[in-house]
Amino acid sequence: MGKGIKHLFTVRLYHFFRNQLYKFKQKKYYNKWQMSGCPAPPPHVVKQNTIKDYQRKYGCNILVETGTYKGDMIEAQKKNFKKIFSIELAPDLHKKAKKRFANDNKVMLLQGDSSVVLSKVMDKIDKPALF
């Protein structure tokens, strides 16, 4: 196995196991949150499910997110949307997200201030989108 292929395999394997661990932790947090009477703020999985519900209700196939952070919302929604635009201000977080989603052509990651970059995203959207 060549060095590049080995690295790609290692990166994909890392993200696969990271995603599985993340899902397990989210389920644990969700159950604890429910048993505590659903206090604010809700766990991330509640936000993920809310976006999925809106996507189904309104039939939007495009998601626009400001604040990529580690890309967990993208990961949770990439099966639900045909195109995802995500804007991240911090260059280091943007770089990490670019690595994470390097092979996913439905994910468009942009770096910069969303108050500036959002207008560029709007120029690329010609169908209903969920923000």
N, C-alpha and C. Protein backbone atom coordinates (compact mmCIF):
# COMPACT_ATOMS: atom_id res chain seq x y z
N MET A 1 0.86 -1.17 0.00
CA MET A 1 0.00 0.00 0.00
C MET A 1 0.90 1.24 0.00
N GLY A 2 0.67 2.16 -0.94
CA GLY A 2 1.46 3.38 -1.02
C GLY A 2 1.20 4.30 0.15
N LYS A 3 2.14 5.22 0.39
CA LYS A 3 2.03 6.15 1.52
C LYS A 3 0.77 7.00 1.44
N GLY A 4 0.44 7.52 0.25
CA GLY A 4 -0.76 8.35 0.08
C GLY A 4 -2.03 7.57 0.33
N ILE A 5 -2.07 6.35 -0.17
CA ILE A 5 -3.26 5.51 0.02
C ILE A 5 -3.40 5.13 1.49
N LYS A 6 -2.27 4.81 2.12
CA LYS A 6 -2.29 4.46 3.55
C LYS A 6 -2.79 5.64 4.39
N HIS A 7 -2.32 6.85 4.05
CA HIS A 7 -2.75 8.04 4.78
C HIS A 7 -4.25 8.27 4.58
N LEU A 8 -4.72 8.15 3.35
CA LEU A 8 -6.15 8.33 3.06
C LEU A 8 -6.98 7.31 3.82
N PHE A 9 -6.53 6.06 3.83
CA PHE A 9 -7.23 5.01 4.55
C PHE A 9 -7.27 5.33 6.05
N THR A 10 -6.15 5.78 6.60
CA THR A 10 -6.06 6.12 8.02
C THR A 10 -7.01 7.27 8.36
N VAL A 11 -7.05 8.30 7.51
CA VAL A 11 -7.93 9.45 7.74
C VAL A 11 -9.39 9.01 7.69
N ARG A 12 -9.76 8.23 6.69
CA ARG A 12 -11.15 7.76 6.58
C ARG A 12 -11.53 6.89 7.76
N LEU A 13 -10.62 6.00 8.17
CA LEU A 13 -10.88 5.13 9.31
C LEU A 13 -11.06 5.95 10.58
N TYR A 14 -10.20 6.95 10.76
CA TYR A 14 -10.31 7.83 11.92
C TYR A 14 -11.68 8.50 11.96
N HIS A 15 -12.10 9.08 10.84
CA HIS A 15 -13.39 9.78 10.81
C HIS A 15 -14.56 8.82 10.99
N PHE A 16 -14.45 7.62 10.46
CA PHE A 16 -15.51 6.63 10.67
C PHE A 16 -15.68 6.34 12.16
N PHE A 17 -14.59 6.02 12.84
CA PHE A 17 -14.69 5.71 14.27
C PHE A 17 -15.06 6.94 15.10
N ARG A 18 -14.57 8.10 14.70
CA ARG A 18 -14.95 9.34 15.40
C ARG A 18 -16.44 9.57 15.29
N ASN A 19 -17.00 9.34 14.10
CA ASN A 19 -18.44 9.53 13.90
C ASN A 19 -19.25 8.53 14.71
N GLN A 20 -18.78 7.29 14.78
CA GLN A 20 -19.50 6.28 15.56
C GLN A 20 -19.48 6.63 17.05
N LEU A 21 -18.34 7.06 17.54
CA LEU A 21 -18.23 7.46 18.94
C LEU A 21 -19.10 8.68 19.22
N TYR A 22 -19.11 9.62 18.29
CA TYR A 22 -19.92 10.83 18.43
C TYR A 22 -21.41 10.46 18.53
N LYS A 23 -21.88 9.57 17.67
CA LYS A 23 -23.29 9.14 17.71
C LYS A 23 -23.62 8.48 19.04
N PHE A 24 -22.71 7.64 19.52
CA PHE A 24 -22.93 6.98 20.80
C PHE A 24 -23.03 8.00 21.94
N LYS A 25 -22.12 8.97 21.95
CA LYS A 25 -22.15 10.00 23.00
C LYS A 25 -23.40 10.86 22.91
N GLN A 26 -23.82 11.19 21.70
CA GLN A 26 -25.03 12.01 21.53
C GLN A 26 -26.26 11.29 22.06
N LYS A 27 -26.34 10.01 21.82
CA LYS A 27 -27.48 9.23 22.33
C LYS A 27 -27.47 9.24 23.86
N LYS A 28 -26.30 9.10 24.43
CA LYS A 28 -26.16 9.13 25.89
C LYS A 28 -26.58 10.50 26.44
N TYR A 29 -26.09 11.58 25.81
CA TYR A 29 -26.45 12.93 26.25
C TYR A 29 -27.95 13.17 26.10
N TYR A 30 -28.53 12.68 25.01
CA TYR A 30 -29.96 12.86 24.76
C TYR A 30 -30.78 12.16 25.84
N ASN A 31 -30.44 10.95 26.16
CA ASN A 31 -31.16 10.20 27.19
C ASN A 31 -31.05 10.89 28.55
N LYS A 32 -29.85 11.36 28.88
CA LYS A 32 -29.64 12.08 30.14
C LYS A 32 -30.46 13.38 30.15
N TRP A 33 -30.47 14.08 29.04
CA TRP A 33 -31.23 15.33 28.90
C TRP A 33 -32.72 15.08 29.12
N GLN A 34 -33.25 14.03 28.51
CA GLN A 34 -34.67 13.70 28.68
C GLN A 34 -34.99 13.34 30.13
N MET A 35 -34.12 12.55 30.74
CA MET A 35 -34.36 12.13 32.13
C MET A 35 -34.27 13.30 33.09
N SER A 36 -33.58 14.38 32.67
CA SER A 36 -33.44 15.58 33.51
C SER A 36 -34.57 16.58 33.28
N GLY A 37 -35.55 16.22 32.44
CA GLY A 37 -36.67 17.11 32.18
C GLY A 37 -36.48 18.07 31.02
N CYS A 38 -35.52 17.77 30.15
CA CYS A 38 -35.26 18.57 28.93
C CYS A 38 -34.88 20.03 29.22
N PRO A 39 -33.86 20.24 30.07
CA PRO A 39 -33.44 21.63 30.35
C PRO A 39 -32.70 22.24 29.17
N ALA A 40 -32.65 23.57 29.15
CA ALA A 40 -31.88 24.28 28.12
C ALA A 40 -30.41 24.27 28.51
N PRO A 41 -29.54 24.24 27.56
CA PRO A 41 -29.75 24.06 26.12
C PRO A 41 -29.89 22.58 25.77
N PRO A 42 -30.56 22.29 24.68
CA PRO A 42 -30.70 20.89 24.27
C PRO A 42 -29.38 20.35 23.71
N PRO A 43 -29.19 19.05 23.75
CA PRO A 43 -27.97 18.48 23.15
C PRO A 43 -27.99 18.65 21.62
N HIS A 44 -26.83 18.53 21.02
CA HIS A 44 -26.68 18.77 19.58
C HIS A 44 -27.59 17.87 18.74
N VAL A 45 -27.84 16.66 19.18
CA VAL A 45 -28.68 15.74 18.41
C VAL A 45 -30.10 16.28 18.26
N VAL A 46 -30.59 17.05 19.22
CA VAL A 46 -31.92 17.65 19.11
C VAL A 46 -31.92 18.68 17.98
N LYS A 47 -30.86 19.46 17.89
CA LYS A 47 -30.73 20.43 16.80
C LYS A 47 -30.64 19.72 15.45
N GLN A 48 -29.88 18.64 15.41
CA GLN A 48 -29.76 17.85 14.18
C GLN A 48 -31.12 17.33 13.73
N ASN A 49 -31.88 16.81 14.66
CA ASN A 49 -33.21 16.27 14.32
C ASN A 49 -34.17 17.37 13.90
N THR A 50 -34.05 18.54 14.51
CA THR A 50 -34.91 19.67 14.13
C THR A 50 -34.64 20.07 12.68
N ILE A 51 -33.37 20.14 12.30
CA ILE A 51 -33.04 20.47 10.91
C ILE A 51 -33.57 19.41 9.96
N LYS A 52 -33.43 18.15 10.34
CA LYS A 52 -33.94 17.06 9.50
C LYS A 52 -35.46 17.16 9.35
N ASP A 53 -36.16 17.51 10.43
CA ASP A 53 -37.61 17.67 10.37
C ASP A 53 -38.01 18.82 9.44
N TYR A 54 -37.30 19.95 9.52
CA TYR A 54 -37.60 21.08 8.63
C TYR A 54 -37.31 20.71 7.17
N GLN A 55 -36.25 19.97 6.94
CA GLN A 55 -35.92 19.54 5.58
C GLN A 55 -37.06 18.72 5.00
N ARG A 56 -37.56 17.80 5.78
CA ARG A 56 -38.69 16.96 5.32
C ARG A 56 -39.96 17.79 5.11
N LYS A 57 -40.24 18.67 6.06
CA LYS A 57 -41.46 19.47 6.01
C LYS A 57 -41.50 20.40 4.80
N TYR A 58 -40.36 21.05 4.51
CA TYR A 58 -40.34 22.05 3.46
C TYR A 58 -39.67 21.58 2.17
N GLY A 59 -39.11 20.40 2.17
CA GLY A 59 -38.52 19.83 0.96
C GLY A 59 -37.29 20.56 0.45
N CYS A 60 -36.56 21.22 1.31
CA CYS A 60 -35.33 21.90 0.91
C CYS A 60 -34.22 20.88 0.72
N ASN A 61 -33.46 21.02 -0.36
CA ASN A 61 -32.34 20.12 -0.60
C ASN A 61 -30.99 20.80 -0.43
N ILE A 62 -31.03 22.05 0.03
CA ILE A 62 -29.81 22.81 0.25
C ILE A 62 -29.80 23.30 1.70
N LEU A 63 -28.69 23.09 2.38
CA LEU A 63 -28.51 23.58 3.75
C LEU A 63 -27.37 24.59 3.76
N VAL A 64 -27.59 25.71 4.42
CA VAL A 64 -26.55 26.73 4.59
C VAL A 64 -26.31 26.88 6.08
N GLU A 65 -25.07 26.68 6.48
CA GLU A 65 -24.70 26.74 7.89
C GLU A 65 -23.60 27.78 8.08
N THR A 66 -23.72 28.57 9.12
CA THR A 66 -22.64 29.47 9.48
C THR A 66 -22.05 28.98 10.79
N GLY A 67 -20.77 28.72 10.77
CA GLY A 67 -20.11 28.17 11.95
C GLY A 67 -19.92 26.67 11.81
N THR A 68 -18.99 26.25 10.99
CA THR A 68 -18.73 24.84 10.74
C THR A 68 -18.26 24.12 11.99
N TYR A 69 -17.42 24.77 12.76
CA TYR A 69 -16.73 24.23 13.92
C TYR A 69 -16.02 22.93 13.52
N LYS A 70 -16.42 21.79 14.03
CA LYS A 70 -15.75 20.53 13.68
C LYS A 70 -16.46 19.78 12.55
N GLY A 71 -17.60 20.30 12.12
CA GLY A 71 -18.31 19.68 11.00
C GLY A 71 -19.32 18.61 11.40
N ASP A 72 -19.68 18.56 12.67
CA ASP A 72 -20.60 17.51 13.12
C ASP A 72 -22.01 17.69 12.56
N MET A 73 -22.46 18.92 12.37
CA MET A 73 -23.78 19.13 11.77
C MET A 73 -23.76 18.70 10.30
N ILE A 74 -22.68 19.00 9.61
CA ILE A 74 -22.56 18.57 8.22
C ILE A 74 -22.63 17.05 8.15
N GLU A 75 -21.88 16.40 8.98
CA GLU A 75 -21.86 14.94 9.00
C GLU A 75 -23.26 14.38 9.26
N ALA A 76 -23.97 14.99 10.18
CA ALA A 76 -25.32 14.52 10.52
C ALA A 76 -26.32 14.77 9.40
N GLN A 77 -26.09 15.79 8.58
CA GLN A 77 -27.09 16.19 7.58
C GLN A 77 -26.73 15.80 6.14
N LYS A 78 -25.54 15.33 5.88
CA LYS A 78 -25.14 15.12 4.50
C LYS A 78 -25.97 14.07 3.76
N LYS A 79 -26.62 13.19 4.46
CA LYS A 79 -27.53 12.23 3.80
C LYS A 79 -28.90 12.84 3.52
N ASN A 80 -29.20 13.95 4.18
CA ASN A 80 -30.53 14.57 4.06
C ASN A 80 -30.59 15.67 3.00
N PHE A 81 -29.44 16.21 2.62
CA PHE A 81 -29.39 17.34 1.69
C PHE A 81 -28.53 17.00 0.48
N LYS A 82 -28.88 17.58 -0.66
CA LYS A 82 -28.09 17.37 -1.88
C LYS A 82 -26.86 18.28 -1.91
N LYS A 83 -26.93 19.43 -1.23
CA LYS A 83 -25.83 20.38 -1.20
C LYS A 83 -25.80 21.04 0.17
N ILE A 84 -24.61 21.15 0.75
CA ILE A 84 -24.44 21.82 2.04
C ILE A 84 -23.34 22.86 1.90
N PHE A 85 -23.66 24.09 2.23
CA PHE A 85 -22.69 25.18 2.30
C PHE A 85 -22.44 25.47 3.77
N SER A 86 -21.18 25.53 4.15
CA SER A 86 -20.85 25.83 5.54
C SER A 86 -19.73 26.86 5.57
N ILE A 87 -19.92 27.89 6.35
CA ILE A 87 -18.97 29.00 6.45
C ILE A 87 -18.32 28.98 7.82
N GLU A 88 -17.00 29.00 7.83
CA GLU A 88 -16.24 29.01 9.09
C GLU A 88 -15.29 30.20 9.12
N LEU A 89 -15.31 30.94 10.19
CA LEU A 89 -14.46 32.11 10.35
C LEU A 89 -13.00 31.73 10.64
N ALA A 90 -12.79 30.78 11.52
CA ALA A 90 -11.44 30.42 11.97
C ALA A 90 -10.70 29.59 10.90
N PRO A 91 -9.56 30.07 10.43
CA PRO A 91 -8.82 29.34 9.39
C PRO A 91 -8.43 27.91 9.79
N ASP A 92 -8.04 27.69 11.04
CA ASP A 92 -7.64 26.35 11.46
C ASP A 92 -8.82 25.37 11.47
N LEU A 93 -9.98 25.82 11.93
CA LEU A 93 -11.17 24.95 11.90
C LEU A 93 -11.61 24.68 10.47
N HIS A 94 -11.51 25.69 9.62
CA HIS A 94 -11.85 25.52 8.20
C HIS A 94 -10.94 24.48 7.55
N LYS A 95 -9.66 24.56 7.84
CA LYS A 95 -8.68 23.62 7.27
C LYS A 95 -8.99 22.18 7.71
N LYS A 96 -9.32 22.00 8.98
CA LYS A 96 -9.66 20.66 9.50
C LYS A 96 -10.93 20.13 8.84
N ALA A 97 -11.91 20.99 8.66
CA ALA A 97 -13.16 20.57 8.01
C ALA A 97 -12.91 20.21 6.55
N LYS A 98 -12.04 20.97 5.88
CA LYS A 98 -11.69 20.66 4.48
C LYS A 98 -11.10 19.25 4.38
N LYS A 99 -10.26 18.89 5.33
CA LYS A 99 -9.68 17.54 5.35
C LYS A 99 -10.78 16.50 5.59
N ARG A 100 -11.64 16.79 6.54
CA ARG A 100 -12.68 15.83 6.90
C ARG A 100 -13.63 15.54 5.74
N PHE A 101 -13.97 16.57 4.96
CA PHE A 101 -14.94 16.40 3.88
C PHE A 101 -14.31 16.51 2.49
N ALA A 102 -13.03 16.21 2.41
CA ALA A 102 -12.29 16.35 1.15
C ALA A 102 -12.90 15.54 0.01
N ASN A 103 -13.47 14.41 0.30
CA ASN A 103 -14.00 13.54 -0.75
C ASN A 103 -15.51 13.60 -0.88
N ASP A 104 -16.12 14.61 -0.31
CA ASP A 104 -17.57 14.74 -0.37
C ASP A 104 -17.93 15.95 -1.22
N ASN A 105 -18.33 15.70 -2.47
CA ASN A 105 -18.58 16.81 -3.40
C ASN A 105 -19.87 17.56 -3.14
N LYS A 106 -20.71 17.08 -2.24
CA LYS A 106 -21.93 17.82 -1.92
C LYS A 106 -21.71 18.87 -0.83
N VAL A 107 -20.53 18.84 -0.22
CA VAL A 107 -20.20 19.78 0.86
C VAL A 107 -19.28 20.88 0.33
N MET A 108 -19.74 22.12 0.47
CA MET A 108 -18.96 23.28 0.04
C MET A 108 -18.56 24.06 1.29
N LEU A 109 -17.27 24.04 1.62
CA LEU A 109 -16.76 24.72 2.80
C LEU A 109 -16.11 26.03 2.40
N LEU A 110 -16.52 27.09 3.06
CA LEU A 110 -16.01 28.42 2.76
C LEU A 110 -15.42 29.02 4.03
N GLN A 111 -14.33 29.74 3.87
CA GLN A 111 -13.68 30.35 5.02
C GLN A 111 -13.84 31.86 4.95
N GLY A 112 -14.24 32.44 6.08
CA GLY A 112 -14.37 33.88 6.16
C GLY A 112 -15.51 34.28 7.07
N ASP A 113 -15.75 35.57 7.11
CA ASP A 113 -16.82 36.15 7.91
C ASP A 113 -18.15 35.92 7.18
N SER A 114 -19.08 35.29 7.85
CA SER A 114 -20.35 34.96 7.18
C SER A 114 -21.10 36.19 6.70
N SER A 115 -20.89 37.33 7.35
CA SER A 115 -21.57 38.55 6.90
C SER A 115 -21.08 38.98 5.51
N VAL A 116 -19.90 38.53 5.14
CA VAL A 116 -19.34 38.82 3.82
C VAL A 116 -19.57 37.64 2.87
N VAL A 117 -19.25 36.44 3.33
CA VAL A 117 -19.28 35.24 2.50
C VAL A 117 -20.70 34.81 2.14
N LEU A 118 -21.65 35.08 3.00
CA LEU A 118 -23.03 34.65 2.77
C LEU A 118 -23.59 35.19 1.45
N SER A 119 -23.23 36.40 1.08
CA SER A 119 -23.73 36.94 -0.19
C SER A 119 -23.20 36.15 -1.38
N LYS A 120 -21.98 35.60 -1.27
CA LYS A 120 -21.42 34.76 -2.34
C LYS A 120 -22.17 33.43 -2.42
N VAL A 121 -22.57 32.92 -1.27
CA VAL A 121 -23.35 31.68 -1.24
C VAL A 121 -24.71 31.92 -1.88
N MET A 122 -25.31 33.04 -1.57
CA MET A 122 -26.63 33.36 -2.13
C MET A 122 -26.60 33.40 -3.65
N ASP A 123 -25.49 33.83 -4.22
CA ASP A 123 -25.35 33.86 -5.68
C ASP A 123 -25.34 32.46 -6.29
N LYS A 124 -24.98 31.45 -5.50
CA LYS A 124 -24.88 30.08 -6.00
C LYS A 124 -26.17 29.28 -5.79
N ILE A 125 -27.11 29.84 -5.06
CA ILE A 125 -28.34 29.11 -4.73
C ILE A 125 -29.48 29.58 -5.64
N ASP A 126 -30.12 28.61 -6.30
CA ASP A 126 -31.24 28.95 -7.18
C ASP A 126 -32.51 28.15 -6.83
N LYS A 127 -32.47 27.50 -5.65
CA LYS A 127 -33.61 26.72 -5.18
C LYS A 127 -33.82 27.02 -3.70
N PRO A 128 -34.96 26.64 -3.14
CA PRO A 128 -35.19 26.87 -1.70
C PRO A 128 -34.08 26.22 -0.85
N ALA A 129 -33.70 26.92 0.20
CA ALA A 129 -32.63 26.44 1.08
C ALA A 129 -33.03 26.65 2.54
N LEU A 130 -32.47 25.83 3.38
CA LEU A 130 -32.68 25.94 4.82
C LEU A 130 -31.43 26.59 5.41
N PHE A 131 -31.62 27.65 6.19
CA PHE A 131 -30.50 28.37 6.81
C PHE A 131 -30.50 28.12 8.30
